[in-house]
Amino acid sequence: MNKSIRVLIVEDSPSFRDVIAFGLEDEPDIEVSGMFNTAEAALKNLSTLEPEAKPDLVLLDINLPGITGLKAIPYFKVLNPSGEILVLSQSDAKEDILTAISHGAVGYLLKESSMTDIVEGIRSIIKGGSSLDPVMARYVLAKQKSLTPHSNEDIDLSARELQVLGLLAQGFAQKEIGSELGISPKTVGFHIGHLYLKIGAKNAPEAIHKAHQLGILSIE
């Protein structure tokens, strides 16, 4: 079976890096396209690759020697705009989570996560979802409370799209949303695509962020 998801690992712990790589290589649809112990080395390599050879996702630690993972996220996005970033860190500091997402990461998992959670997170992100713990999602919403909301007069979400958005904000995955609403994952994907288009978002964290700014979602 051809592997389709190319993952670049940036992690300074050799033992942890090898464990993750071994676990990912065991998946038929995932391949590790490279491993680096610093963001600088990963970015330098990325700058030499042709577009078709660049990773679909960067699995990124944030506590790295040299430039930190948080500071490196925008550079990864510039060099690989179509690639996604999933942070895998020991830090559960809420400010780190918010910074990672605001800089362009679409997922944030702790290193204590199981290999199954990491693999499912990667697949969810590649399918257009996110990998964000519900507690983290609630914090992202709460942190935006002080921002001045913009007018939502031009945002016309259907009742179903509002339901889907609300569940995304609670950290539900696409399959879980389908189960909760009694619709197929494909239909959920259809609604997600429409609400992203209407709100002007590229992923779930950005949609949640913008929905709160627009006053569509409330903290409660």
C-alpha atoms as a PDB file:
ATOM      1  CA  MET A   1       0.000   0.000   0.000  1.00  0.00           C
ATOM      2  CA  ASN A   2       1.369   3.416  -0.955  1.00  0.00           C
ATOM      3  CA  LYS A   3       1.995   5.727   1.947  1.00  0.00           C
ATOM      4  CA  SER A   4       0.401   9.120   1.486  1.00  0.00           C
ATOM      5  CA  ILE A   5       1.049  11.203   4.614  1.00  0.00           C
ATOM      6  CA  ARG A   6       4.620  12.485   4.860  1.00  0.00           C
ATOM      7  CA  VAL A   7       5.565  13.484   8.406  1.00  0.00           C
ATOM      8  CA  LEU A   8       8.635  15.463   9.412  1.00  0.00           C
ATOM      9  CA  ILE A   9       9.657  15.010  13.053  1.00  0.00           C
ATOM     10  CA  VAL A  10      11.446  17.819  14.903  1.00  0.00           C
ATOM     11  CA  GLU A  11      12.397  16.577  18.364  1.00  0.00           C
ATOM     12  CA  ASP A  12      15.646  16.965  20.306  1.00  0.00           C
ATOM     13  CA  SER A  13      15.320  13.799  22.394  1.00  0.00           C
ATOM     14  CA  PRO A  14      16.817  10.944  20.319  1.00  0.00           C
ATOM     15  CA  SER A  15      15.029   8.229  22.279  1.00  0.00           C
ATOM     16  CA  PHE A  16      11.604   9.884  22.084  1.00  0.00           C
ATOM     17  CA  ARG A  17      12.161  10.749  18.417  1.00  0.00           C
ATOM     18  CA  ASP A  18      12.961   7.125  17.622  1.00  0.00           C
ATOM     19  CA  VAL A  19       9.906   5.855  19.499  1.00  0.00           C
ATOM     20  CA  ILE A  20       7.615   8.187  17.554  1.00  0.00           C
ATOM     21  CA  ALA A  21       9.269   7.360  14.245  1.00  0.00           C
ATOM     22  CA  PHE A  22       8.983   3.628  14.903  1.00  0.00           C
ATOM     23  CA  GLY A  23       5.305   3.980  15.786  1.00  0.00           C
ATOM     24  CA  LEU A  24       4.495   6.064  12.708  1.00  0.00           C
ATOM     25  CA  GLU A  25       6.381   3.817  10.299  1.00  0.00           C
ATOM     26  CA  ASP A  26       4.182   0.963  11.475  1.00  0.00           C
ATOM     27  CA  GLU A  27       1.167   2.759   9.971  1.00  0.00           C
ATOM     28  CA  PRO A  28       0.425   1.857   6.320  1.00  0.00           C
ATOM     29  CA  ASP A  29      -0.621   5.373   5.311  1.00  0.00           C
ATOM     30  CA  ILE A  30       2.135   7.347   7.083  1.00  0.00           C
ATOM     31  CA  GLU A  31       5.822   7.722   6.318  1.00  0.00           C
ATOM     32  CA  VAL A  32       8.496   9.640   8.196  1.00  0.00           C
ATOM     33  CA  SER A  33      10.111  11.892   5.602  1.00  0.00           C
ATOM     34  CA  GLY A  34      12.798  13.223   7.928  1.00  0.00           C
ATOM     35  CA  MET A  35      13.919  13.668  11.528  1.00  0.00           C
ATOM     36  CA  PHE A  36      15.793  16.623  13.024  1.00  0.00           C
ATOM     37  CA  ASN A  37      16.848  17.674  16.517  1.00  0.00           C
ATOM     38  CA  THR A  38      16.628  21.426  15.912  1.00  0.00           C
ATOM     39  CA  ALA A  39      14.214  23.703  14.102  1.00  0.00           C
ATOM     40  CA  GLU A  40      17.116  25.341  12.253  1.00  0.00           C
ATOM     41  CA  ALA A  41      18.211  22.026  10.720  1.00  0.00           C
ATOM     42  CA  ALA A  42      14.649  21.133   9.753  1.00  0.00           C
ATOM     43  CA  LEU A  43      14.032  24.544   8.163  1.00  0.00           C
ATOM     44  CA  LYS A  44      17.308  24.391   6.241  1.00  0.00           C
ATOM     45  CA  ASN A  45      16.362  20.987   4.853  1.00  0.00           C
ATOM     46  CA  LEU A  46      12.851  22.145   4.040  1.00  0.00           C
ATOM     47  CA  SER A  47      14.196  25.070   2.021  1.00  0.00           C
ATOM     48  CA  THR A  48      16.034  22.662  -0.309  1.00  0.00           C
ATOM     49  CA  LEU A  49      13.060  20.422  -1.102  1.00  0.00           C
ATOM     50  CA  GLU A  50      10.882  20.583  -4.188  1.00  0.00           C
ATOM     51  CA  PRO A  51       7.183  21.240  -3.410  1.00  0.00           C
ATOM     52  CA  GLU A  52       6.180  17.650  -4.140  1.00  0.00           C
ATOM     53  CA  ALA A  53       8.774  16.349  -1.663  1.00  0.00           C
ATOM     54  CA  LYS A  54       7.803  18.567   1.241  1.00  0.00           C
ATOM     55  CA  PRO A  55       6.049  17.022   4.260  1.00  0.00           C
ATOM     56  CA  ASP A  56       2.302  17.060   4.673  1.00  0.00           C
ATOM     57  CA  LEU A  57       2.740  17.605   8.405  1.00  0.00           C
ATOM     58  CA  VAL A  58       5.470  18.688  10.809  1.00  0.00           C
ATOM     59  CA  LEU A  59       5.356  17.005  14.208  1.00  0.00           C
ATOM     60  CA  LEU A  60       7.038  19.693  16.276  1.00  0.00           C
ATOM     61  CA  ASP A  61       8.372  19.916  19.808  1.00  0.00           C
ATOM     62  CA  ILE A  62       8.409  23.478  21.168  1.00  0.00           C
ATOM     63  CA  ASN A  63      11.229  23.201  23.726  1.00  0.00           C
ATOM     64  CA  LEU A  64      14.119  22.932  21.287  1.00  0.00           C
ATOM     65  CA  PRO A  65      17.731  24.132  21.509  1.00  0.00           C
ATOM     66  CA  GLY A  66      18.334  27.259  19.450  1.00  0.00           C
ATOM     67  CA  ILE A  67      15.162  28.699  17.980  1.00  0.00           C
ATOM     68  CA  THR A  68      12.163  27.356  19.877  1.00  0.00           C
ATOM     69  CA  GLY A  69       9.390  25.443  18.209  1.00  0.00           C
ATOM     70  CA  LEU A  70       6.934  28.252  18.917  1.00  0.00           C
ATOM     71  CA  LYS A  71       9.131  30.823  17.171  1.00  0.00           C
ATOM     72  CA  ALA A  72       9.799  28.427  14.297  1.00  0.00           C
ATOM     73  CA  ILE A  73       6.143  27.792  13.413  1.00  0.00           C
ATOM     74  CA  PRO A  74       5.765  30.881  11.168  1.00  0.00           C
ATOM     75  CA  TYR A  75       8.951  29.940   9.296  1.00  0.00           C
ATOM     76  CA  PHE A  76       7.664  26.428   8.658  1.00  0.00           C
ATOM     77  CA  LYS A  77       4.451  27.966   7.301  1.00  0.00           C
ATOM     78  CA  VAL A  78       6.387  30.267   4.956  1.00  0.00           C
ATOM     79  CA  LEU A  79       8.566  27.462   3.598  1.00  0.00           C
ATOM     80  CA  ASN A  80       5.729  24.954   3.380  1.00  0.00           C
ATOM     81  CA  PRO A  81       2.387  26.807   3.172  1.00  0.00           C
ATOM     82  CA  SER A  82       0.358  23.715   2.349  1.00  0.00           C
ATOM     83  CA  GLY A  83       1.888  21.681   5.173  1.00  0.00           C
ATOM     84  CA  GLU A  84       0.282  21.443   8.596  1.00  0.00           C
ATOM     85  CA  ILE A  85       1.869  21.606  12.040  1.00  0.00           C
ATOM     86  CA  LEU A  86       1.034  19.423  15.018  1.00  0.00           C
ATOM     87  CA  VAL A  87       2.797  20.370  18.234  1.00  0.00           C
ATOM     88  CA  LEU A  88       3.854  17.470  20.446  1.00  0.00           C
ATOM     89  CA  SER A  89       5.158  18.864  23.719  1.00  0.00           C
ATOM     90  CA  GLN A  90       5.580  18.263  27.431  1.00  0.00           C
ATOM     91  CA  SER A  91       4.248  21.760  28.093  1.00  0.00           C
ATOM     92  CA  ASP A  92       0.606  22.088  29.067  1.00  0.00           C
ATOM     93  CA  ALA A  93       1.021  25.837  29.657  1.00  0.00           C
ATOM     94  CA  LYS A  94      -2.056  27.527  28.262  1.00  0.00           C
ATOM     95  CA  GLU A  95      -0.041  30.411  26.843  1.00  0.00           C
ATOM     96  CA  ASP A  96       2.094  27.945  24.849  1.00  0.00           C
ATOM     97  CA  ILE A  97      -1.070  26.371  23.444  1.00  0.00           C
ATOM     98  CA  LEU A  98      -2.534  29.715  22.429  1.00  0.00           C
ATOM     99  CA  THR A  99       0.741  30.922  20.918  1.00  0.00           C
ATOM    100  CA  ALA A 100       1.178  27.724  18.899  1.00  0.00           C
ATOM    101  CA  ILE A 101      -2.321  27.980  17.448  1.00  0.00           C
ATOM    102  CA  SER A 102      -2.113  31.704  16.763  1.00  0.00           C
ATOM    103  CA  HIS A 103       1.184  31.153  14.918  1.00  0.00           C
ATOM    104  CA  GLY A 104      -0.323  28.517  12.636  1.00  0.00           C
ATOM    105  CA  ALA A 105      -0.354  25.122  14.350  1.00  0.00           C
ATOM    106  CA  VAL A 106      -3.596  23.186  13.880  1.00  0.00           C
ATOM    107  CA  GLY A 107      -3.053  20.736  16.698  1.00  0.00           C
ATOM    108  CA  TYR A 108      -1.447  20.488  20.126  1.00  0.00           C
ATOM    109  CA  LEU A 109      -0.864  17.193  21.917  1.00  0.00           C
ATOM    110  CA  LEU A 110       1.098  16.364  25.024  1.00  0.00           C
ATOM    111  CA  LYS A 111       3.949  13.862  24.906  1.00  0.00           C
ATOM    112  CA  GLU A 112       2.023  11.685  27.326  1.00  0.00           C
ATOM    113  CA  SER A 113      -0.508  11.075  24.536  1.00  0.00           C
ATOM    114  CA  SER A 114      -0.764   7.505  23.314  1.00  0.00           C
ATOM    115  CA  MET A 115       0.593   6.528  19.911  1.00  0.00           C
ATOM    116  CA  THR A 116      -3.000   5.952  18.850  1.00  0.00           C
ATOM    117  CA  ASP A 117      -3.906   9.541  19.768  1.00  0.00           C
ATOM    118  CA  ILE A 118      -0.923  10.884  17.850  1.00  0.00           C
ATOM    119  CA  VAL A 119      -1.714   8.829  14.747  1.00  0.00           C
ATOM    120  CA  GLU A 120      -5.395   9.772  14.880  1.00  0.00           C
ATOM    121  CA  GLY A 121      -4.410  13.410  15.378  1.00  0.00           C
ATOM    122  CA  ILE A 122      -2.233  13.337  12.266  1.00  0.00           C
ATOM    123  CA  ARG A 123      -4.956  11.728  10.171  1.00  0.00           C
ATOM    124  CA  SER A 124      -7.599  14.146  11.467  1.00  0.00           C
ATOM    125  CA  ILE A 125      -5.470  17.162  10.573  1.00  0.00           C
ATOM    126  CA  ILE A 126      -4.696  15.868   7.079  1.00  0.00           C
ATOM    127  CA  LYS A 127      -8.432  15.382   6.524  1.00  0.00           C
ATOM    128  CA  GLY A 128      -9.022  19.032   7.395  1.00  0.00           C
ATOM    129  CA  GLY A 129      -9.780  18.695  11.085  1.00  0.00           C
ATOM    130  CA  SER A 130      -7.663  19.454  14.111  1.00  0.00           C
ATOM    131  CA  SER A 131      -6.182  17.724  17.108  1.00  0.00           C
ATOM    132  CA  LEU A 132      -6.979  19.866  20.111  1.00  0.00           C
ATOM    133  CA  ASP A 133      -7.917  18.718  23.594  1.00  0.00           C
ATOM    134  CA  PRO A 134     -11.363  20.024  24.722  1.00  0.00           C
ATOM    135  CA  VAL A 135      -9.797  21.820  27.699  1.00  0.00           C
ATOM    136  CA  MET A 136      -7.362  23.525  25.335  1.00  0.00           C
ATOM    137  CA  ALA A 137     -10.204  24.486  22.994  1.00  0.00           C
ATOM    138  CA  ARG A 138     -12.121  26.103  25.850  1.00  0.00           C
ATOM    139  CA  TYR A 139      -9.038  28.059  26.854  1.00  0.00           C
ATOM    140  CA  VAL A 140      -8.566  29.355  23.321  1.00  0.00           C
ATOM    141  CA  LEU A 141     -12.135  30.661  23.437  1.00  0.00           C
ATOM    142  CA  ALA A 142     -11.784  32.172  26.906  1.00  0.00           C
ATOM    143  CA  LYS A 143      -8.537  33.903  26.005  1.00  0.00           C
ATOM    144  CA  GLN A 144     -10.251  35.758  23.179  1.00  0.00           C
ATOM    145  CA  LYS A 145     -12.953  37.142  25.496  1.00  0.00           C
ATOM    146  CA  SER A 146     -11.190  40.486  25.815  1.00  0.00           C
ATOM    147  CA  LEU A 147     -10.994  40.989  22.062  1.00  0.00           C
ATOM    148  CA  THR A 148     -13.487  43.355  20.500  1.00  0.00           C
ATOM    149  CA  PRO A 149     -15.915  41.265  18.455  1.00  0.00           C
ATOM    150  CA  HIS A 150     -16.608  42.234  14.874  1.00  0.00           C
ATOM    151  CA  SER A 151     -20.036  42.424  13.315  1.00  0.00           C
ATOM    152  CA  ASN A 152     -21.474  39.057  12.321  1.00  0.00           C
ATOM    153  CA  GLU A 153     -24.239  40.535  10.185  1.00  0.00           C
ATOM    154  CA  ASP A 154     -22.722  39.095   7.017  1.00  0.00           C
ATOM    155  CA  ILE A 155     -22.165  35.640   8.510  1.00  0.00           C
ATOM    156  CA  ASP A 156     -25.202  33.494   7.819  1.00  0.00           C
ATOM    157  CA  LEU A 157     -24.618  30.050   9.308  1.00  0.00           C
ATOM    158  CA  SER A 158     -27.370  27.453   9.147  1.00  0.00           C
ATOM    159  CA  ALA A 159     -28.677  25.810  12.311  1.00  0.00           C
ATOM    160  CA  ARG A 160     -26.737  22.650  11.460  1.00  0.00           C
ATOM    161  CA  GLU A 161     -23.535  24.592  10.801  1.00  0.00           C
ATOM    162  CA  LEU A 162     -23.918  26.275  14.192  1.00  0.00           C
ATOM    163  CA  GLN A 163     -24.319  22.848  15.816  1.00  0.00           C
ATOM    164  CA  VAL A 164     -21.189  21.571  14.096  1.00  0.00           C
ATOM    165  CA  LEU A 165     -19.262  24.710  15.065  1.00  0.00           C
ATOM    166  CA  GLY A 166     -20.328  24.344  18.690  1.00  0.00           C
ATOM    167  CA  LEU A 167     -19.125  20.745  18.800  1.00  0.00           C
ATOM    168  CA  LEU A 168     -15.833  21.679  17.142  1.00  0.00           C
ATOM    169  CA  ALA A 169     -15.360  24.253  19.897  1.00  0.00           C
ATOM    170  CA  GLN A 170     -15.827  21.467  22.462  1.00  0.00           C
ATOM    171  CA  GLY A 171     -13.027  19.465  20.848  1.00  0.00           C
ATOM    172  CA  PHE A 172     -15.166  16.886  19.038  1.00  0.00           C
ATOM    173  CA  ALA A 173     -13.585  15.131  16.045  1.00  0.00           C
ATOM    174  CA  GLN A 174     -15.461  14.859  12.745  1.00  0.00           C
ATOM    175  CA  LYS A 175     -16.558  11.272  13.377  1.00  0.00           C
ATOM    176  CA  GLU A 176     -17.713  12.148  16.902  1.00  0.00           C
ATOM    177  CA  ILE A 177     -19.737  15.081  15.584  1.00  0.00           C
ATOM    178  CA  GLY A 178     -21.457  12.758  13.135  1.00  0.00           C
ATOM    179  CA  SER A 179     -22.336  10.351  15.927  1.00  0.00           C
ATOM    180  CA  GLU A 180     -23.568  13.175  18.167  1.00  0.00           C
ATOM    181  CA  LEU A 181     -25.807  14.658  15.447  1.00  0.00           C
ATOM    182  CA  GLY A 182     -26.842  11.395  13.829  1.00  0.00           C
ATOM    183  CA  ILE A 183     -25.299  12.205  10.445  1.00  0.00           C
ATOM    184  CA  SER A 184     -22.473  10.675   8.436  1.00  0.00           C
ATOM    185  CA  PRO A 185     -18.864  11.911   8.748  1.00  0.00           C
ATOM    186  CA  LYS A 186     -19.063  12.856   5.061  1.00  0.00           C
ATOM    187  CA  THR A 187     -22.047  15.116   5.774  1.00  0.00           C
ATOM    188  CA  VAL A 188     -20.178  16.605   8.727  1.00  0.00           C
ATOM    189  CA  GLY A 189     -17.271  17.354   6.398  1.00  0.00           C
ATOM    190  CA  PHE A 190     -19.687  19.075   4.025  1.00  0.00           C
ATOM    191  CA  HIS A 191     -20.986  21.335   6.809  1.00  0.00           C
ATOM    192  CA  ILE A 192     -17.465  22.035   8.091  1.00  0.00           C
ATOM    193  CA  GLY A 193     -16.355  23.060   4.601  1.00  0.00           C
ATOM    194  CA  HIS A 194     -19.272  25.477   4.300  1.00  0.00           C
ATOM    195  CA  LEU A 195     -18.769  27.104   7.701  1.00  0.00           C
ATOM    196  CA  TYR A 196     -15.014  27.465   7.064  1.00  0.00           C
ATOM    197  CA  LEU A 197     -15.849  29.227   3.797  1.00  0.00           C
ATOM    198  CA  LYS A 198     -18.406  31.524   5.422  1.00  0.00           C
ATOM    199  CA  ILE A 199     -16.210  32.434   8.391  1.00  0.00           C
ATOM    200  CA  GLY A 200     -13.012  32.627   6.341  1.00  0.00           C
ATOM    201  CA  ALA A 201     -11.079  29.952   8.236  1.00  0.00           C
ATOM    202  CA  LYS A 202      -8.655  27.251   7.117  1.00  0.00           C
ATOM    203  CA  ASN A 203      -8.985  24.899  10.090  1.00  0.00           C
ATOM    204  CA  ALA A 204     -10.954  24.239  13.267  1.00  0.00           C
ATOM    205  CA  PRO A 205      -8.869  26.333  15.709  1.00  0.00           C
ATOM    206  CA  GLU A 206      -9.024  29.307  13.354  1.00  0.00           C
ATOM    207  CA  ALA A 207     -12.781  28.827  12.878  1.00  0.00           C
ATOM    208  CA  ILE A 208     -13.312  28.755  16.654  1.00  0.00           C
ATOM    209  CA  HIS A 209     -11.107  31.822  17.103  1.00  0.00           C
ATOM    210  CA  LYS A 210     -12.922  33.826  14.411  1.00  0.00           C
ATOM    211  CA  ALA A 211     -16.375  32.670  15.518  1.00  0.00           C
ATOM    212  CA  HIS A 212     -15.697  34.025  18.973  1.00  0.00           C
ATOM    213  CA  GLN A 213     -14.345  37.301  17.604  1.00  0.00           C
ATOM    214  CA  LEU A 214     -17.483  37.636  15.487  1.00  0.00           C
ATOM    215  CA  GLY A 215     -19.717  36.979  18.456  1.00  0.00           C
ATOM    216  CA  ILE A 216     -21.076  33.753  16.938  1.00  0.00           C
ATOM    217  CA  LEU A 217     -19.773  31.665  19.831  1.00  0.00           C
ATOM    218  CA  SER A 218     -19.937  32.587  23.497  1.00  0.00           C
ATOM    219  CA  ILE A 219     -17.772  31.255  26.299  1.00  0.00           C
ATOM    220  CA  GLU A 220     -20.784  29.685  27.945  1.00  0.00           C
END
